[in-house]
Amino acid sequence: MYAFVNPESGESLFWLIPVVNKQAYGAVMAAFAQKVGAGADHRVLVVQDGAGFHLPPDDGHPEGIQTVTLPPYSPELQPAERLWELTDAPIANRVFKSIKEVEAALSERCIWLEAQPDLVTRHTLFHWWPLLAN
C-alpha cells in the first residue's frame, strides 16, 4: 500500500499495488502527481522515509514533485506512518480465506478513509507541522 496525506487538510490518497519496488514507486508517484495536478505552476513537497525503493525513476520525479527524505530511524516524524493504524483496523486479528479478501477489505477501508479528512488530520497533524499560510 502506498499512501499520501496532507496533514493539515486531512486529504489522503491510497494506492494498493501488489509490489514494493522502484518501478512501482515511480508509477505511483506519477499517478499521485497527476491526481494532485503537480506541474510547473503547482509544486508539491512529498516527505518520505528512506526506504530503499524511494528512489526517483531514471528520468526523475514527475514535474512539480519535490521530495524530502527523513533521517534514518525516524518514523515518528512521518505523518503517513500514522495512517497504518487506520488502514490496518479492519484486517487486524482476522482470518481471510484469500488475498483477494484482504485486498477488498483494505480497498474498502482506504476509500472510506479518503472521505474522513477530520479523522486523518487527528492522526497525522503533529503540533510542530508547518501550516500553510492562508
N, C-alpha and C. Protein backbone atom coordinates (compact mmCIF):
# COMPACT_ATOMS: atom_id res chain seq x y z
N MET A 1 0.84 -1.16 0.00
CA MET A 1 0.00 0.00 0.00
C MET A 1 0.89 1.24 0.00
N TYR A 2 0.57 2.17 -0.85
CA TYR A 2 1.22 3.47 -0.91
C TYR A 2 0.19 4.50 -0.45
N ALA A 3 0.61 5.43 0.39
CA ALA A 3 -0.33 6.42 0.91
C ALA A 3 0.30 7.80 0.93
N PHE A 4 -0.51 8.78 0.65
CA PHE A 4 -0.12 10.19 0.70
C PHE A 4 -1.13 10.90 1.58
N VAL A 5 -0.66 11.86 2.38
CA VAL A 5 -1.57 12.60 3.24
C VAL A 5 -1.12 14.05 3.33
N ASN A 6 -2.09 14.94 3.33
CA ASN A 6 -1.84 16.33 3.67
C ASN A 6 -2.30 16.46 5.11
N PRO A 7 -1.35 16.55 6.06
CA PRO A 7 -1.75 16.55 7.47
C PRO A 7 -2.68 17.69 7.85
N GLU A 8 -2.54 18.83 7.21
CA GLU A 8 -3.35 19.98 7.58
C GLU A 8 -4.80 19.83 7.12
N SER A 9 -5.00 19.38 5.89
CA SER A 9 -6.36 19.26 5.36
C SER A 9 -6.98 17.89 5.63
N GLY A 10 -6.15 16.89 5.89
CA GLY A 10 -6.65 15.54 6.07
C GLY A 10 -6.88 14.81 4.76
N GLU A 11 -6.61 15.48 3.65
CA GLU A 11 -6.77 14.82 2.35
C GLU A 11 -5.78 13.67 2.26
N SER A 12 -6.26 12.51 1.86
CA SER A 12 -5.40 11.34 1.74
C SER A 12 -5.72 10.61 0.45
N LEU A 13 -4.69 9.98 -0.07
CA LEU A 13 -4.81 9.18 -1.29
C LEU A 13 -4.06 7.87 -1.08
N PHE A 14 -4.66 6.79 -1.52
CA PHE A 14 -4.07 5.46 -1.33
C PHE A 14 -4.00 4.72 -2.66
N TRP A 15 -2.96 3.93 -2.81
CA TRP A 15 -2.83 3.03 -3.94
C TRP A 15 -2.48 1.65 -3.39
N LEU A 16 -3.25 0.64 -3.78
CA LEU A 16 -2.94 -0.75 -3.44
C LEU A 16 -2.25 -1.37 -4.64
N ILE A 17 -0.98 -1.65 -4.49
CA ILE A 17 -0.16 -2.18 -5.56
C ILE A 17 0.47 -3.48 -5.04
N PRO A 18 0.51 -4.54 -5.83
CA PRO A 18 0.98 -5.82 -5.30
C PRO A 18 2.50 -5.93 -5.10
N VAL A 19 3.25 -4.89 -5.43
CA VAL A 19 4.70 -4.94 -5.23
C VAL A 19 5.20 -3.63 -4.62
N VAL A 20 6.34 -3.73 -3.97
CA VAL A 20 7.01 -2.55 -3.43
C VAL A 20 8.42 -2.55 -4.01
N ASN A 21 8.61 -1.72 -5.02
CA ASN A 21 9.92 -1.60 -5.64
C ASN A 21 10.03 -0.25 -6.33
N LYS A 22 11.19 0.01 -6.90
CA LYS A 22 11.44 1.31 -7.53
C LYS A 22 10.47 1.59 -8.68
N GLN A 23 10.16 0.58 -9.47
CA GLN A 23 9.26 0.79 -10.61
C GLN A 23 7.84 1.12 -10.14
N ALA A 24 7.36 0.39 -9.15
CA ALA A 24 6.02 0.65 -8.63
C ALA A 24 5.98 2.04 -7.98
N TYR A 25 7.04 2.38 -7.24
CA TYR A 25 7.13 3.70 -6.62
C TYR A 25 7.04 4.80 -7.67
N GLY A 26 7.77 4.63 -8.77
CA GLY A 26 7.74 5.62 -9.85
C GLY A 26 6.35 5.76 -10.45
N ALA A 27 5.69 4.62 -10.65
CA ALA A 27 4.34 4.65 -11.23
C ALA A 27 3.34 5.31 -10.28
N VAL A 28 3.45 5.01 -8.99
CA VAL A 28 2.54 5.60 -8.01
C VAL A 28 2.82 7.10 -7.88
N MET A 29 4.09 7.48 -7.89
CA MET A 29 4.43 8.90 -7.79
C MET A 29 3.88 9.66 -9.01
N ALA A 30 3.95 9.05 -10.18
CA ALA A 30 3.40 9.69 -11.39
C ALA A 30 1.88 9.82 -11.28
N ALA A 31 1.22 8.77 -10.78
CA ALA A 31 -0.23 8.82 -10.61
C ALA A 31 -0.62 9.87 -9.57
N PHE A 32 0.16 9.95 -8.49
CA PHE A 32 -0.09 10.96 -7.46
C PHE A 32 0.07 12.36 -8.04
N ALA A 33 1.14 12.59 -8.78
CA ALA A 33 1.38 13.91 -9.37
C ALA A 33 0.22 14.32 -10.27
N GLN A 34 -0.26 13.38 -11.07
CA GLN A 34 -1.39 13.68 -11.95
C GLN A 34 -2.65 13.96 -11.13
N LYS A 35 -2.89 13.17 -10.11
CA LYS A 35 -4.10 13.32 -9.29
C LYS A 35 -4.16 14.69 -8.60
N VAL A 36 -3.00 15.17 -8.12
CA VAL A 36 -2.99 16.45 -7.39
C VAL A 36 -2.65 17.64 -8.28
N GLY A 37 -2.46 17.39 -9.57
CA GLY A 37 -2.19 18.48 -10.50
C GLY A 37 -0.81 19.09 -10.37
N ALA A 38 0.16 18.29 -9.95
CA ALA A 38 1.53 18.80 -9.83
C ALA A 38 2.07 19.16 -11.20
N GLY A 39 2.83 20.23 -11.25
CA GLY A 39 3.42 20.67 -12.52
C GLY A 39 4.22 21.93 -12.31
N ALA A 40 4.54 22.59 -13.40
CA ALA A 40 5.36 23.79 -13.35
C ALA A 40 4.72 24.88 -12.48
N ASP A 41 3.40 24.97 -12.49
CA ASP A 41 2.71 26.01 -11.74
C ASP A 41 2.16 25.52 -10.39
N HIS A 42 2.33 24.25 -10.10
CA HIS A 42 1.82 23.70 -8.83
C HIS A 42 2.84 22.70 -8.31
N ARG A 43 3.65 23.15 -7.36
CA ARG A 43 4.69 22.31 -6.79
C ARG A 43 4.16 21.61 -5.55
N VAL A 44 4.55 20.35 -5.39
CA VAL A 44 4.10 19.54 -4.26
C VAL A 44 5.33 18.95 -3.58
N LEU A 45 5.42 19.13 -2.28
CA LEU A 45 6.51 18.57 -1.49
C LEU A 45 6.04 17.27 -0.86
N VAL A 46 6.78 16.20 -1.11
CA VAL A 46 6.47 14.89 -0.55
C VAL A 46 7.55 14.55 0.48
N VAL A 47 7.13 14.37 1.73
CA VAL A 47 8.04 13.95 2.79
C VAL A 47 7.99 12.43 2.84
N GLN A 48 9.15 11.81 2.76
CA GLN A 48 9.18 10.35 2.73
C GLN A 48 10.29 9.82 3.63
N ASP A 49 10.18 8.54 3.97
CA ASP A 49 11.26 7.94 4.74
C ASP A 49 12.33 7.45 3.77
N GLY A 50 13.35 6.85 4.30
CA GLY A 50 14.48 6.43 3.47
C GLY A 50 14.39 5.00 2.97
N ALA A 51 13.19 4.49 2.79
CA ALA A 51 13.03 3.12 2.29
C ALA A 51 13.82 2.95 0.99
N GLY A 52 14.38 1.78 0.80
CA GLY A 52 15.23 1.51 -0.35
C GLY A 52 14.56 1.71 -1.70
N PHE A 53 13.25 1.59 -1.75
CA PHE A 53 12.54 1.76 -3.02
C PHE A 53 12.15 3.21 -3.28
N HIS A 54 12.36 4.10 -2.32
CA HIS A 54 12.03 5.52 -2.51
C HIS A 54 13.11 6.21 -3.33
N LEU A 55 13.25 5.75 -4.53
CA LEU A 55 14.23 6.31 -5.45
C LEU A 55 13.50 6.83 -6.67
N PRO A 56 13.87 8.01 -7.14
CA PRO A 56 13.19 8.52 -8.34
C PRO A 56 13.52 7.65 -9.55
N PRO A 57 12.60 7.57 -10.50
CA PRO A 57 12.90 6.87 -11.74
C PRO A 57 14.13 7.49 -12.40
N ASP A 58 14.72 6.79 -13.35
CA ASP A 58 15.92 7.28 -14.01
C ASP A 58 15.73 8.67 -14.61
N ASP A 59 14.52 8.97 -15.04
CA ASP A 59 14.25 10.29 -15.62
C ASP A 59 13.76 11.30 -14.57
N GLY A 60 13.84 10.94 -13.28
CA GLY A 60 13.48 11.85 -12.20
C GLY A 60 12.01 11.77 -11.83
N HIS A 61 11.65 12.51 -10.79
CA HIS A 61 10.25 12.58 -10.36
C HIS A 61 9.45 13.38 -11.38
N PRO A 62 8.14 13.20 -11.38
CA PRO A 62 7.30 14.00 -12.27
C PRO A 62 7.48 15.49 -12.01
N GLU A 63 7.24 16.27 -13.02
CA GLU A 63 7.35 17.72 -12.87
C GLU A 63 6.42 18.20 -11.75
N GLY A 64 6.94 19.06 -10.92
CA GLY A 64 6.16 19.62 -9.82
C GLY A 64 6.29 18.85 -8.52
N ILE A 65 6.93 17.69 -8.55
CA ILE A 65 7.11 16.90 -7.34
C ILE A 65 8.53 17.07 -6.83
N GLN A 66 8.62 17.43 -5.56
CA GLN A 66 9.92 17.52 -4.89
C GLN A 66 9.83 16.66 -3.64
N THR A 67 10.88 15.93 -3.33
CA THR A 67 10.85 15.07 -2.15
C THR A 67 11.88 15.53 -1.12
N VAL A 68 11.55 15.25 0.13
CA VAL A 68 12.46 15.44 1.26
C VAL A 68 12.49 14.09 1.97
N THR A 69 13.70 13.56 2.17
CA THR A 69 13.83 12.27 2.84
C THR A 69 14.20 12.50 4.30
N LEU A 70 13.43 11.88 5.17
CA LEU A 70 13.65 12.00 6.61
C LEU A 70 14.92 11.23 7.01
N PRO A 71 15.49 11.59 8.16
CA PRO A 71 16.66 10.86 8.64
C PRO A 71 16.31 9.40 8.94
N PRO A 72 17.30 8.52 8.92
CA PRO A 72 17.04 7.11 9.25
C PRO A 72 16.46 6.96 10.65
N TYR A 73 15.65 5.93 10.82
CA TYR A 73 15.09 5.56 12.11
C TYR A 73 14.29 6.69 12.75
N SER A 74 13.49 7.37 11.94
CA SER A 74 12.69 8.47 12.48
C SER A 74 11.23 8.39 12.03
N PRO A 75 10.59 7.23 12.17
CA PRO A 75 9.19 7.13 11.71
C PRO A 75 8.25 8.08 12.43
N GLU A 76 8.62 8.51 13.63
CA GLU A 76 7.75 9.41 14.37
C GLU A 76 7.63 10.77 13.70
N LEU A 77 8.52 11.07 12.74
CA LEU A 77 8.46 12.33 12.02
C LEU A 77 7.58 12.27 10.77
N GLN A 78 7.18 11.08 10.38
CA GLN A 78 6.46 10.87 9.13
C GLN A 78 4.96 10.79 9.36
N PRO A 79 4.20 11.82 8.97
CA PRO A 79 2.74 11.77 9.16
C PRO A 79 2.08 10.53 8.55
N ALA A 80 2.53 10.10 7.40
CA ALA A 80 1.90 8.95 6.74
C ALA A 80 2.03 7.68 7.57
N GLU A 81 3.04 7.59 8.43
CA GLU A 81 3.18 6.41 9.28
C GLU A 81 1.97 6.23 10.19
N ARG A 82 1.33 7.32 10.54
CA ARG A 82 0.16 7.26 11.42
C ARG A 82 -1.09 6.76 10.69
N LEU A 83 -1.01 6.66 9.37
CA LEU A 83 -2.14 6.13 8.60
C LEU A 83 -2.28 4.62 8.76
N TRP A 84 -1.16 3.95 9.02
CA TRP A 84 -1.20 2.48 9.02
C TRP A 84 -2.12 1.93 10.10
N GLU A 85 -2.16 2.57 11.27
CA GLU A 85 -3.08 2.07 12.29
C GLU A 85 -4.53 2.22 11.83
N LEU A 86 -4.80 3.22 10.99
CA LEU A 86 -6.15 3.41 10.46
C LEU A 86 -6.47 2.40 9.35
N THR A 87 -5.48 2.13 8.51
CA THR A 87 -5.74 1.18 7.42
C THR A 87 -5.77 -0.26 7.92
N ASP A 88 -5.02 -0.54 8.98
CA ASP A 88 -4.94 -1.91 9.48
C ASP A 88 -6.16 -2.34 10.31
N ALA A 89 -6.92 -1.37 10.79
CA ALA A 89 -8.03 -1.68 11.70
C ALA A 89 -8.98 -2.78 11.19
N PRO A 90 -9.42 -2.76 9.93
CA PRO A 90 -10.38 -3.79 9.52
C PRO A 90 -9.76 -5.16 9.24
N ILE A 91 -8.43 -5.25 9.23
CA ILE A 91 -7.81 -6.55 8.93
C ILE A 91 -7.09 -7.16 10.12
N ALA A 92 -6.89 -6.37 11.18
CA ALA A 92 -6.18 -6.88 12.36
C ALA A 92 -7.00 -7.97 13.04
N ASN A 93 -6.32 -9.02 13.44
CA ASN A 93 -6.93 -10.12 14.20
C ASN A 93 -8.09 -10.78 13.46
N ARG A 94 -7.98 -10.83 12.14
CA ARG A 94 -8.99 -11.51 11.33
C ARG A 94 -8.31 -12.56 10.47
N VAL A 95 -9.07 -13.54 10.09
CA VAL A 95 -8.57 -14.57 9.18
C VAL A 95 -9.31 -14.40 7.86
N PHE A 96 -8.56 -14.36 6.79
CA PHE A 96 -9.14 -14.22 5.45
C PHE A 96 -8.91 -15.50 4.67
N LYS A 97 -9.84 -15.83 3.81
CA LYS A 97 -9.73 -17.04 3.01
C LYS A 97 -8.78 -16.88 1.83
N SER A 98 -8.60 -15.61 1.40
CA SER A 98 -7.73 -15.38 0.24
C SER A 98 -7.15 -13.98 0.29
N ILE A 99 -6.12 -13.78 -0.50
CA ILE A 99 -5.53 -12.44 -0.60
C ILE A 99 -6.54 -11.46 -1.22
N LYS A 100 -7.42 -11.96 -2.06
CA LYS A 100 -8.46 -11.10 -2.65
C LYS A 100 -9.36 -10.51 -1.57
N GLU A 101 -9.68 -11.30 -0.55
CA GLU A 101 -10.50 -10.79 0.55
C GLU A 101 -9.75 -9.71 1.35
N VAL A 102 -8.46 -9.90 1.53
CA VAL A 102 -7.64 -8.89 2.22
C VAL A 102 -7.63 -7.61 1.40
N GLU A 103 -7.39 -7.75 0.10
CA GLU A 103 -7.36 -6.59 -0.79
C GLU A 103 -8.70 -5.86 -0.78
N ALA A 104 -9.79 -6.60 -0.79
CA ALA A 104 -11.13 -5.98 -0.78
C ALA A 104 -11.35 -5.21 0.52
N ALA A 105 -10.96 -5.79 1.65
CA ALA A 105 -11.13 -5.11 2.93
C ALA A 105 -10.28 -3.84 2.99
N LEU A 106 -9.04 -3.94 2.51
CA LEU A 106 -8.16 -2.76 2.51
C LEU A 106 -8.66 -1.69 1.55
N SER A 107 -9.11 -2.11 0.40
CA SER A 107 -9.63 -1.16 -0.58
C SER A 107 -10.83 -0.41 -0.03
N GLU A 108 -11.75 -1.13 0.58
CA GLU A 108 -12.94 -0.51 1.17
C GLU A 108 -12.53 0.48 2.27
N ARG A 109 -11.56 0.09 3.07
CA ARG A 109 -11.11 0.96 4.16
C ARG A 109 -10.44 2.23 3.62
N CYS A 110 -9.63 2.09 2.58
CA CYS A 110 -8.95 3.26 2.01
C CYS A 110 -9.94 4.23 1.38
N ILE A 111 -10.93 3.70 0.70
CA ILE A 111 -11.97 4.56 0.13
C ILE A 111 -12.68 5.32 1.26
N TRP A 112 -12.98 4.62 2.33
CA TRP A 112 -13.65 5.25 3.47
C TRP A 112 -12.75 6.33 4.09
N LEU A 113 -11.46 6.01 4.29
CA LEU A 113 -10.54 6.98 4.89
C LEU A 113 -10.38 8.24 4.04
N GLU A 114 -10.39 8.09 2.73
CA GLU A 114 -10.27 9.26 1.86
C GLU A 114 -11.43 10.23 2.06
N ALA A 115 -12.54 9.73 2.60
CA ALA A 115 -13.71 10.58 2.86
C ALA A 115 -13.80 11.01 4.32
N GLN A 116 -12.73 10.78 5.10
CA GLN A 116 -12.71 11.12 6.53
C GLN A 116 -11.55 12.06 6.86
N PRO A 117 -11.51 13.25 6.27
CA PRO A 117 -10.35 14.12 6.50
C PRO A 117 -10.15 14.53 7.96
N ASP A 118 -11.23 14.70 8.72
CA ASP A 118 -11.07 15.09 10.12
C ASP A 118 -10.37 13.99 10.93
N LEU A 119 -10.75 12.76 10.69
CA LEU A 119 -10.11 11.62 11.36
C LEU A 119 -8.63 11.55 10.96
N VAL A 120 -8.36 11.70 9.69
CA VAL A 120 -6.98 11.63 9.21
C VAL A 120 -6.14 12.75 9.81
N THR A 121 -6.68 13.96 9.85
CA THR A 121 -5.94 15.08 10.44
C THR A 121 -5.63 14.83 11.91
N ARG A 122 -6.58 14.28 12.64
CA ARG A 122 -6.35 14.00 14.07
C ARG A 122 -5.17 13.05 14.27
N HIS A 123 -4.93 12.19 13.31
CA HIS A 123 -3.84 11.22 13.43
C HIS A 123 -2.52 11.70 12.82
N THR A 124 -2.56 12.66 11.92
CA THR A 124 -1.35 12.99 11.17
C THR A 124 -0.82 14.41 11.36
N LEU A 125 -1.62 15.32 11.89
CA LEU A 125 -1.17 16.71 12.04
C LEU A 125 -0.46 16.88 13.38
N PHE A 126 0.86 16.80 13.31
CA PHE A 126 1.68 16.95 14.51
C PHE A 126 1.68 18.41 14.94
N HIS A 127 1.86 18.65 16.22
CA HIS A 127 1.83 20.03 16.74
C HIS A 127 2.93 20.90 16.13
N TRP A 128 3.99 20.31 15.67
CA TRP A 128 5.10 21.08 15.09
C TRP A 128 5.06 21.18 13.57
N TRP A 129 4.06 20.55 12.95
CA TRP A 129 3.99 20.54 11.48
C TRP A 129 3.77 21.96 10.97
N PRO A 130 4.57 22.40 9.99
CA PRO A 130 4.40 23.78 9.48
C PRO A 130 3.07 23.90 8.70
N LEU A 131 2.25 24.83 9.11
CA LEU A 131 0.96 25.04 8.46
C LEU A 131 1.11 26.00 7.30
N LEU A 132 0.28 25.84 6.29
CA LEU A 132 0.29 26.75 5.16
C LEU A 132 -0.28 28.09 5.57
N ALA A 133 0.31 29.13 5.09
CA ALA A 133 -0.23 30.48 5.38
C ALA A 133 -1.48 30.69 4.53
N ASN A 134 -2.52 31.20 5.14
CA ASN A 134 -3.77 31.44 4.40
C ASN A 134 -3.73 32.81 3.74
